[in-house]
């Protein structure tokens, strides 16, 4: 799947809450670190779509993903929960 397909899947998911995560590489003085942050949460699918597009355009060096997640749920118990993998290649 392409990036746009994953974003569409997150936006069109049936769960009520839409979370946008941001993955980035940050300089930490003595080295670099991969950082994943929750940057936006909404129940409005259209707002989520607008926000991910705005964030990605403003910060093209970061990686954004949107997830559709259920409320009142331990997300770690789902087959796939909101996360972004940061690999060694990202540091090059």
PDB file of N, CA and C in Angstrom:
ATOM      1  N   UNK A   1       0.835  -1.187   0.000  1.00  0.00           N
ATOM      2  CA  UNK A   1       0.000   0.000   0.000  1.00  0.00           C
ATOM      3  C   UNK A   1       0.877   1.247   0.000  1.00  0.00           C
ATOM      4  N   UNK A   2       0.372   2.275  -0.578  1.00  0.00           N
ATOM      5  CA  UNK A   2       1.034   3.575  -0.603  1.00  0.00           C
ATOM      6  C   UNK A   2       0.623   4.384   0.637  1.00  0.00           C
ATOM      7  N   UNK A   3       1.399   5.419   0.921  1.00  0.00           N
ATOM      8  CA  UNK A   3       1.123   6.294   2.067  1.00  0.00           C
ATOM      9  C   UNK A   3      -0.317   6.806   2.033  1.00  0.00           C
ATOM     10  N   UNK A   4      -0.764   7.290   0.874  1.00  0.00           N
ATOM     11  CA  UNK A   4      -2.123   7.839   0.754  1.00  0.00           C
ATOM     12  C   UNK A   4      -3.180   6.792   1.091  1.00  0.00           C
ATOM     13  N   UNK A   5      -2.904   5.529   0.775  1.00  0.00           N
ATOM     14  CA  UNK A   5      -3.846   4.456   1.099  1.00  0.00           C
ATOM     15  C   UNK A   5      -3.962   4.258   2.608  1.00  0.00           C
ATOM     16  N   UNK A   6      -2.832   4.324   3.295  1.00  0.00           N
ATOM     17  CA  UNK A   6      -2.849   4.192   4.753  1.00  0.00           C
ATOM     18  C   UNK A   6      -3.597   5.354   5.409  1.00  0.00           C
ATOM     19  N   UNK A   7      -3.373   6.564   4.902  1.00  0.00           N
ATOM     20  CA  UNK A   7      -4.076   7.732   5.440  1.00  0.00           C
ATOM     21  C   UNK A   7      -5.573   7.579   5.219  1.00  0.00           C
ATOM     22  N   UNK A   8      -5.969   7.195   4.017  1.00  0.00           N
ATOM     23  CA  UNK A   8      -7.391   7.005   3.714  1.00  0.00           C
ATOM     24  C   UNK A   8      -7.997   5.934   4.623  1.00  0.00           C
ATOM     25  N   UNK A   9      -7.255   4.854   4.848  1.00  0.00           N
ATOM     26  CA  UNK A   9      -7.730   3.788   5.730  1.00  0.00           C
ATOM     27  C   UNK A   9      -7.977   4.327   7.144  1.00  0.00           C
ATOM     28  N   UNK A  10      -7.068   5.154   7.647  1.00  0.00           N
ATOM     29  CA  UNK A  10      -7.244   5.739   8.973  1.00  0.00           C
ATOM     30  C   UNK A  10      -8.418   6.694   9.025  1.00  0.00           C
ATOM     31  N   UNK A  11      -8.571   7.494   7.995  1.00  0.00           N
ATOM     32  CA  UNK A  11      -9.671   8.458   7.959  1.00  0.00           C
ATOM     33  C   UNK A  11     -11.028   7.775   7.825  1.00  0.00           C
ATOM     34  N   UNK A  12     -11.077   6.700   7.066  1.00  0.00           N
ATOM     35  CA  UNK A  12     -12.351   6.037   6.788  1.00  0.00           C
ATOM     36  C   UNK A  12     -12.682   4.907   7.759  1.00  0.00           C
ATOM     37  N   UNK A  13     -11.805   4.681   8.727  1.00  0.00           N
ATOM     38  CA  UNK A  13     -12.070   3.635   9.718  1.00  0.00           C
ATOM     39  C   UNK A  13     -13.353   3.923  10.472  1.00  0.00           C
ATOM     40  N   UNK A  14     -14.016   2.858  10.896  1.00  0.00           N
ATOM     41  CA  UNK A  14     -15.327   3.016  11.523  1.00  0.00           C
ATOM     42  C   UNK A  14     -15.263   3.520  12.963  1.00  0.00           C
ATOM     43  N   UNK A  15     -14.102   3.459  13.587  1.00  0.00           N
ATOM     44  CA  UNK A  15     -14.002   3.897  14.979  1.00  0.00           C
ATOM     45  C   UNK A  15     -14.134   5.412  15.088  1.00  0.00           C
ATOM     46  N   UNK A  16     -14.652   5.870  16.197  1.00  0.00           N
ATOM     47  CA  UNK A  16     -15.051   7.253  16.375  1.00  0.00           C
ATOM     48  C   UNK A  16     -13.883   8.247  16.475  1.00  0.00           C
ATOM     49  N   UNK A  17     -12.828   7.890  17.174  1.00  0.00           N
ATOM     50  CA  UNK A  17     -11.734   8.826  17.429  1.00  0.00           C
ATOM     51  C   UNK A  17     -10.668   8.726  16.345  1.00  0.00           C
ATOM     52  N   UNK A  18     -10.246   9.870  15.829  1.00  0.00           N
ATOM     53  CA  UNK A  18      -9.161   9.931  14.850  1.00  0.00           C
ATOM     54  C   UNK A  18      -7.952  10.557  15.556  1.00  0.00           C
ATOM     55  N   UNK A  19      -6.836   9.830  15.562  1.00  0.00           N
ATOM     56  CA  UNK A  19      -5.591  10.320  16.150  1.00  0.00           C
ATOM     57  C   UNK A  19      -4.579  10.542  15.044  1.00  0.00           C
ATOM     58  N   UNK A  20      -3.884  11.666  15.100  1.00  0.00           N
ATOM     59  CA  UNK A  20      -2.786  11.918  14.172  1.00  0.00           C
ATOM     60  C   UNK A  20      -1.495  11.849  14.964  1.00  0.00           C
ATOM     61  N   UNK A  21      -0.586  10.998  14.489  1.00  0.00           N
ATOM     62  CA  UNK A  21       0.734  10.859  15.092  1.00  0.00           C
ATOM     63  C   UNK A  21       1.769  11.480  14.178  1.00  0.00           C
ATOM     64  N   UNK A  22       2.848  11.958  14.779  1.00  0.00           N
ATOM     65  CA  UNK A  22       3.963  12.537  14.036  1.00  0.00           C
ATOM     66  C   UNK A  22       5.232  11.787  14.424  1.00  0.00           C
ATOM     67  N   UNK A  23       5.963  11.329  13.424  1.00  0.00           N
ATOM     68  CA  UNK A  23       7.261  10.709  13.646  1.00  0.00           C
ATOM     69  C   UNK A  23       8.339  11.625  13.105  1.00  0.00           C
ATOM     70  N   UNK A  24       9.377  11.837  13.885  1.00  0.00           N
ATOM     71  CA  UNK A  24      10.466  12.714  13.443  1.00  0.00           C
ATOM     72  C   UNK A  24      11.777  12.284  14.084  1.00  0.00           C
ATOM     73  N   UNK A  25      12.855  12.747  13.491  1.00  0.00           N
ATOM     74  CA  UNK A  25      14.187  12.550  14.055  1.00  0.00           C
ATOM     75  C   UNK A  25      14.610  13.886  14.652  1.00  0.00           C
ATOM     76  N   UNK A  26      15.002  13.858  15.917  1.00  0.00           N
ATOM     77  CA  UNK A  26      15.356  15.096  16.613  1.00  0.00           C
ATOM     78  C   UNK A  26      16.803  15.036  17.084  1.00  0.00           C
ATOM     79  N   UNK A  27      17.513  16.159  16.931  1.00  0.00           N
ATOM     80  CA  UNK A  27      18.863  16.282  17.475  1.00  0.00           C
ATOM     81  C   UNK A  27      18.743  16.487  18.974  1.00  0.00           C
ATOM     82  N   UNK A  28      19.512  15.701  19.724  1.00  0.00           N
ATOM     83  CA  UNK A  28      19.434  15.743  21.185  1.00  0.00           C
ATOM     84  C   UNK A  28      20.743  16.237  21.805  1.00  0.00           C
ATOM     85  N   UNK A  29      21.523  16.982  21.054  1.00  0.00           N
ATOM     86  CA  UNK A  29      22.796  17.466  21.575  1.00  0.00           C
ATOM     87  C   UNK A  29      23.893  16.444  21.391  1.00  0.00           C
ATOM     88  N   UNK A  30      23.836  15.339  22.122  1.00  0.00           N
ATOM     89  CA  UNK A  30      24.874  14.309  22.024  1.00  0.00           C
ATOM     90  C   UNK A  30      24.522  13.233  20.993  1.00  0.00           C
ATOM     91  N   UNK A  31      23.419  13.374  20.338  1.00  0.00           N
ATOM     92  CA  UNK A  31      23.008  12.387  19.341  1.00  0.00           C
ATOM     93  C   UNK A  31      21.637  12.714  18.800  1.00  0.00           C
ATOM     94  N   UNK A  32      21.061  11.746  18.137  1.00  0.00           N
ATOM     95  CA  UNK A  32      19.739  11.940  17.569  1.00  0.00           C
ATOM     96  C   UNK A  32      18.796  10.883  18.115  1.00  0.00           C
ATOM     97  N   UNK A  33      17.511  11.220  18.144  1.00  0.00           N
ATOM     98  CA  UNK A  33      16.504  10.291  18.653  1.00  0.00           C
ATOM     99  C   UNK A  33      15.282  10.323  17.749  1.00  0.00           C
ATOM    100  N   UNK A  34      14.662   9.167  17.593  1.00  0.00           N
ATOM    101  CA  UNK A  34      13.381   9.094  16.903  1.00  0.00           C
ATOM    102  C   UNK A  34      12.287   9.401  17.903  1.00  0.00           C
ATOM    103  N   UNK A  35      11.403  10.307  17.545  1.00  0.00           N
ATOM    104  CA  UNK A  35      10.333  10.725  18.445  1.00  0.00           C
ATOM    105  C   UNK A  35       8.993  10.513  17.750  1.00  0.00           C
ATOM    106  N   UNK A  36       8.059   9.889  18.441  1.00  0.00           N
ATOM    107  CA  UNK A  36       6.697   9.727  17.939  1.00  0.00           C
ATOM    108  C   UNK A  36       5.780  10.427  18.929  1.00  0.00           C
ATOM    109  N   UNK A  37       4.952  11.331  18.404  1.00  0.00           N
ATOM    110  CA  UNK A  37       4.068  12.131  19.246  1.00  0.00           C
ATOM    111  C   UNK A  37       2.642  12.079  18.724  1.00  0.00           C
ATOM    112  N   UNK A  38       1.681  12.075  19.632  1.00  0.00           N
ATOM    113  CA  UNK A  38       0.288  12.294  19.245  1.00  0.00           C
ATOM    114  C   UNK A  38       0.138  13.801  19.120  1.00  0.00           C
ATOM    115  N   UNK A  39      -0.260  14.278  17.928  1.00  0.00           N
ATOM    116  CA  UNK A  39      -0.311  15.721  17.704  1.00  0.00           C
ATOM    117  C   UNK A  39      -1.724  16.264  17.498  1.00  0.00           C
ATOM    118  N   UNK A  40      -2.704  15.370  17.299  1.00  0.00           N
ATOM    119  CA  UNK A  40      -4.069  15.860  17.078  1.00  0.00           C
ATOM    120  C   UNK A  40      -5.046  14.730  17.349  1.00  0.00           C
ATOM    121  N   UNK A  41      -6.161  15.064  17.965  1.00  0.00           N
ATOM    122  CA  UNK A  41      -7.228  14.099  18.221  1.00  0.00           C
ATOM    123  C   UNK A  41      -8.569  14.762  17.953  1.00  0.00           C
ATOM    124  N   UNK A  42      -9.439  14.054  17.257  1.00  0.00           N
ATOM    125  CA  UNK A  42     -10.758  14.590  16.946  1.00  0.00           C
ATOM    126  C   UNK A  42     -11.731  13.456  16.667  1.00  0.00           C
ATOM    127  N   UNK A  43     -13.006  13.742  16.809  1.00  0.00           N
ATOM    128  CA  UNK A  43     -14.045  12.808  16.399  1.00  0.00           C
ATOM    129  C   UNK A  43     -14.569  13.171  15.017  1.00  0.00           C
ATOM    130  N   UNK A  44     -14.061  14.252  14.455  1.00  0.00           N
ATOM    131  CA  UNK A  44     -14.529  14.755  13.166  1.00  0.00           C
ATOM    132  C   UNK A  44     -13.576  14.315  12.062  1.00  0.00           C
ATOM    133  N   UNK A  45     -14.035  13.431  11.197  1.00  0.00           N
ATOM    134  CA  UNK A  45     -13.210  12.894  10.125  1.00  0.00           C
ATOM    135  C   UNK A  45     -12.686  13.986   9.199  1.00  0.00           C
ATOM    136  N   UNK A  46     -13.529  14.959   8.856  1.00  0.00           N
ATOM    137  CA  UNK A  46     -13.121  16.031   7.950  1.00  0.00           C
ATOM    138  C   UNK A  46     -12.032  16.909   8.564  1.00  0.00           C
ATOM    139  N   UNK A  47     -12.152  17.191   9.867  1.00  0.00           N
ATOM    140  CA  UNK A  47     -11.102  17.958  10.540  1.00  0.00           C
ATOM    141  C   UNK A  47      -9.789  17.192  10.559  1.00  0.00           C
ATOM    142  N   UNK A  48      -9.863  15.880  10.769  1.00  0.00           N
ATOM    143  CA  UNK A  48      -8.650  15.056  10.765  1.00  0.00           C
ATOM    144  C   UNK A  48      -7.982  15.098   9.397  1.00  0.00           C
ATOM    145  N   UNK A  49      -8.760  14.987   8.340  1.00  0.00           N
ATOM    146  CA  UNK A  49      -8.199  15.024   6.991  1.00  0.00           C
ATOM    147  C   UNK A  49      -7.545  16.378   6.707  1.00  0.00           C
ATOM    148  N   UNK A  50      -8.232  17.438   7.070  1.00  0.00           N
ATOM    149  CA  UNK A  50      -7.680  18.782   6.864  1.00  0.00           C
ATOM    150  C   UNK A  50      -6.389  18.963   7.660  1.00  0.00           C
ATOM    151  N   UNK A  51      -6.387  18.506   8.910  1.00  0.00           N
ATOM    152  CA  UNK A  51      -5.225  18.704   9.776  1.00  0.00           C
ATOM    153  C   UNK A  51      -4.009  17.914   9.302  1.00  0.00           C
ATOM    154  N   UNK A  52      -4.198  16.651   8.892  1.00  0.00           N
ATOM    155  CA  UNK A  52      -3.037  15.868   8.456  1.00  0.00           C
ATOM    156  C   UNK A  52      -2.435  16.474   7.196  1.00  0.00           C
ATOM    157  N   UNK A  53      -3.271  16.986   6.308  1.00  0.00           N
ATOM    158  CA  UNK A  53      -2.753  17.625   5.093  1.00  0.00           C
ATOM    159  C   UNK A  53      -1.985  18.913   5.431  1.00  0.00           C
ATOM    160  N   UNK A  54      -2.526  19.691   6.339  1.00  0.00           N
ATOM    161  CA  UNK A  54      -1.874  20.941   6.755  1.00  0.00           C
ATOM    162  C   UNK A  54      -0.531  20.660   7.427  1.00  0.00           C
ATOM    163  N   UNK A  55      -0.514  19.699   8.342  1.00  0.00           N
ATOM    164  CA  UNK A  55       0.724  19.361   9.051  1.00  0.00           C
ATOM    165  C   UNK A  55       1.784  18.824   8.095  1.00  0.00           C
ATOM    166  N   UNK A  56       1.382  17.918   7.204  1.00  0.00           N
ATOM    167  CA  UNK A  56       2.340  17.328   6.261  1.00  0.00           C
ATOM    168  C   UNK A  56       2.913  18.381   5.312  1.00  0.00           C
ATOM    169  N   UNK A  57       2.098  19.328   4.890  1.00  0.00           N
ATOM    170  CA  UNK A  57       2.582  20.388   3.996  1.00  0.00           C
ATOM    171  C   UNK A  57       3.520  21.342   4.730  1.00  0.00           C
ATOM    172  N   UNK A  58       3.232  21.627   5.989  1.00  0.00           N
ATOM    173  CA  UNK A  58       4.046  22.567   6.769  1.00  0.00           C
ATOM    174  C   UNK A  58       5.350  21.941   7.256  1.00  0.00           C
ATOM    175  N   UNK A  59       5.377  20.616   7.412  1.00  0.00           N
ATOM    176  CA  UNK A  59       6.546  19.921   7.972  1.00  0.00           C
ATOM    177  C   UNK A  59       6.873  18.679   7.136  1.00  0.00           C
ATOM    178  N   UNK A  60       7.325  18.851   5.898  1.00  0.00           N
ATOM    179  CA  UNK A  60       7.546  17.690   5.034  1.00  0.00           C
ATOM    180  C   UNK A  60       8.651  16.751   5.516  1.00  0.00           C
ATOM    181  N   UNK A  61       9.493  17.200   6.441  1.00  0.00           N
ATOM    182  CA  UNK A  61      10.553  16.335   6.961  1.00  0.00           C
ATOM    183  C   UNK A  61      10.031  15.369   8.036  1.00  0.00           C
ATOM    184  N   UNK A  62       8.813  15.572   8.495  1.00  0.00           N
ATOM    185  CA  UNK A  62       8.191  14.684   9.479  1.00  0.00           C
ATOM    186  C   UNK A  62       7.267  13.704   8.779  1.00  0.00           C
ATOM    187  N   UNK A  63       6.942  12.627   9.477  1.00  0.00           N
ATOM    188  CA  UNK A  63       6.051  11.603   8.937  1.00  0.00           C
ATOM    189  C   UNK A  63       4.771  11.620   9.763  1.00  0.00           C
ATOM    190  N   UNK A  64       3.642  11.817   9.111  1.00  0.00           N
ATOM    191  CA  UNK A  64       2.350  11.870   9.796  1.00  0.00           C
ATOM    192  C   UNK A  64       1.493  10.679   9.400  1.00  0.00           C
ATOM    193  N   UNK A  65       0.732  10.170  10.361  1.00  0.00           N
ATOM    194  CA  UNK A  65      -0.208   9.090  10.092  1.00  0.00           C
ATOM    195  C   UNK A  65      -1.457   9.314  10.940  1.00  0.00           C
ATOM    196  N   UNK A  66      -2.589   8.939  10.384  1.00  0.00           N
ATOM    197  CA  UNK A  66      -3.862   9.052  11.100  1.00  0.00           C
ATOM    198  C   UNK A  66      -4.395   7.646  11.379  1.00  0.00           C
ATOM    199  N   UNK A  67      -4.936   7.481  12.572  1.00  0.00           N
ATOM    200  CA  UNK A  67      -5.503   6.210  12.999  1.00  0.00           C
ATOM    201  C   UNK A  67      -6.933   6.423  13.461  1.00  0.00           C
ATOM    202  N   UNK A  68      -7.762   5.456  13.193  1.00  0.00           N
ATOM    203  CA  UNK A  68      -9.134   5.431  13.680  1.00  0.00           C
ATOM    204  C   UNK A  68      -9.161   4.454  14.848  1.00  0.00           C
ATOM    205  N   UNK A  69      -9.440   4.954  16.047  1.00  0.00           N
ATOM    206  CA  UNK A  69      -9.334   4.101  17.237  1.00  0.00           C
ATOM    207  C   UNK A  69     -10.615   4.155  18.069  1.00  0.00           C
ATOM    208  N   UNK A  70     -10.911   3.054  18.744  1.00  0.00           N
ATOM    209  CA  UNK A  70     -12.088   3.021  19.609  1.00  0.00           C
ATOM    210  C   UNK A  70     -11.818   3.758  20.919  1.00  0.00           C
ATOM    211  N   UNK A  71     -12.875   4.271  21.497  1.00  0.00           N
ATOM    212  CA  UNK A  71     -12.778   4.919  22.814  1.00  0.00           C
ATOM    213  C   UNK A  71     -12.830   3.862  23.914  1.00  0.00           C
ATOM    214  N   UNK A  72     -12.326   4.205  25.081  1.00  0.00           N
ATOM    215  CA  UNK A  72     -12.399   3.349  26.266  1.00  0.00           C
ATOM    216  C   UNK A  72     -11.856   1.948  26.009  1.00  0.00           C
ATOM    217  N   UNK A  73     -10.719   1.883  25.329  1.00  0.00           N
ATOM    218  CA  UNK A  73     -10.111   0.607  24.946  1.00  0.00           C
ATOM    219  C   UNK A  73      -8.614   0.645  25.216  1.00  0.00           C
ATOM    220  N   UNK A  74      -8.073  -0.444  25.735  1.00  0.00           N
ATOM    221  CA  UNK A  74      -6.629  -0.592  25.862  1.00  0.00           C
ATOM    222  C   UNK A  74      -6.098  -0.865  24.461  1.00  0.00           C
ATOM    223  N   UNK A  75      -5.524   0.146  23.843  1.00  0.00           N
ATOM    224  CA  UNK A  75      -5.106   0.051  22.445  1.00  0.00           C
ATOM    225  C   UNK A  75      -4.039  -1.017  22.221  1.00  0.00           C
ATOM    226  N   UNK A  76      -3.275  -1.349  23.241  1.00  0.00           N
ATOM    227  CA  UNK A  76      -2.249  -2.377  23.068  1.00  0.00           C
ATOM    228  C   UNK A  76      -2.855  -3.758  22.865  1.00  0.00           C
ATOM    229  N   UNK A  77      -4.142  -3.918  23.142  1.00  0.00           N
ATOM    230  CA  UNK A  77      -4.811  -5.201  22.940  1.00  0.00           C
ATOM    231  C   UNK A  77      -5.361  -5.370  21.520  1.00  0.00           C
ATOM    232  N   UNK A  78      -5.284  -4.323  20.702  1.00  0.00           N
ATOM    233  CA  UNK A  78      -5.741  -4.405  19.314  1.00  0.00           C
ATOM    234  C   UNK A  78      -4.673  -5.072  18.453  1.00  0.00           C
ATOM    235  N   UNK A  79      -5.063  -5.679  17.325  1.00  0.00           N
ATOM    236  CA  UNK A  79      -4.077  -6.288  16.427  1.00  0.00           C
ATOM    237  C   UNK A  79      -3.048  -5.270  15.915  1.00  0.00           C
ATOM    238  N   UNK A  80      -3.479  -4.033  15.727  1.00  0.00           N
ATOM    239  CA  UNK A  80      -2.570  -2.953  15.317  1.00  0.00           C
ATOM    240  C   UNK A  80      -3.057  -1.678  15.981  1.00  0.00           C
ATOM    241  N   UNK A  81      -2.196  -1.007  16.678  1.00  0.00           N
ATOM    242  CA  UNK A  81      -2.585   0.212  17.368  1.00  0.00           C
ATOM    243  C   UNK A  81      -1.693   1.358  16.916  1.00  0.00           C
ATOM    244  N   UNK A  82      -2.059   2.599  17.220  1.00  0.00           N
ATOM    245  CA  UNK A  82      -1.304   3.754  16.730  1.00  0.00           C
ATOM    246  C   UNK A  82       0.172   3.688  17.094  1.00  0.00           C
ATOM    247  N   UNK A  83       0.998   3.649  16.058  1.00  0.00           N
ATOM    248  CA  UNK A  83       2.446   3.616  16.249  1.00  0.00           C
ATOM    249  C   UNK A  83       3.125   3.981  14.944  1.00  0.00           C
ATOM    250  N   UNK A  84       4.358   4.421  15.052  1.00  0.00           N
ATOM    251  CA  UNK A  84       5.198   4.703  13.888  1.00  0.00           C
ATOM    252  C   UNK A  84       6.556   4.095  14.182  1.00  0.00           C
ATOM    253  N   UNK A  85       7.050   3.274  13.269  1.00  0.00           N
ATOM    254  CA  UNK A  85       8.362   2.653  13.445  1.00  0.00           C
ATOM    255  C   UNK A  85       9.459   3.630  13.020  1.00  0.00           C
ATOM    256  N   UNK A  86      10.481   3.744  13.829  1.00  0.00           N
ATOM    257  CA  UNK A  86      11.667   4.539  13.508  1.00  0.00           C
ATOM    258  C   UNK A  86      12.820   3.550  13.400  1.00  0.00           C
ATOM    259  N   UNK A  87      13.437   3.482  12.223  1.00  0.00           N
ATOM    260  CA  UNK A  87      14.511   2.514  11.984  1.00  0.00           C
ATOM    261  C   UNK A  87      15.861   3.212  11.892  1.00  0.00           C
ATOM    262  N   UNK A  88      16.933   2.430  11.887  1.00  0.00           N
ATOM    263  CA  UNK A  88      18.280   2.994  11.761  1.00  0.00           C
ATOM    264  C   UNK A  88      18.426   3.797  10.472  1.00  0.00           C
ATOM    265  N   UNK A  89      17.788   3.355   9.410  1.00  0.00           N
ATOM    266  CA  UNK A  89      17.872   4.071   8.129  1.00  0.00           C
ATOM    267  C   UNK A  89      17.333   5.500   8.239  1.00  0.00           C
ATOM    268  N   UNK A  90      16.396   5.720   9.149  1.00  0.00           N
ATOM    269  CA  UNK A  90      15.854   7.063   9.340  1.00  0.00           C
ATOM    270  C   UNK A  90      16.888   8.036   9.878  1.00  0.00           C
ATOM    271  N   UNK A  91      17.949   7.521  10.476  1.00  0.00           N
ATOM    272  CA  UNK A  91      18.981   8.371  11.062  1.00  0.00           C
ATOM    273  C   UNK A  91      20.071   8.730  10.071  1.00  0.00           C
ATOM    274  N   UNK A  92      19.996   8.223   8.875  1.00  0.00           N
ATOM    275  CA  UNK A  92      21.027   8.483   7.862  1.00  0.00           C
ATOM    276  C   UNK A  92      20.668   9.641   6.987  1.00  0.00           C
TER     277      UNK A  92
END
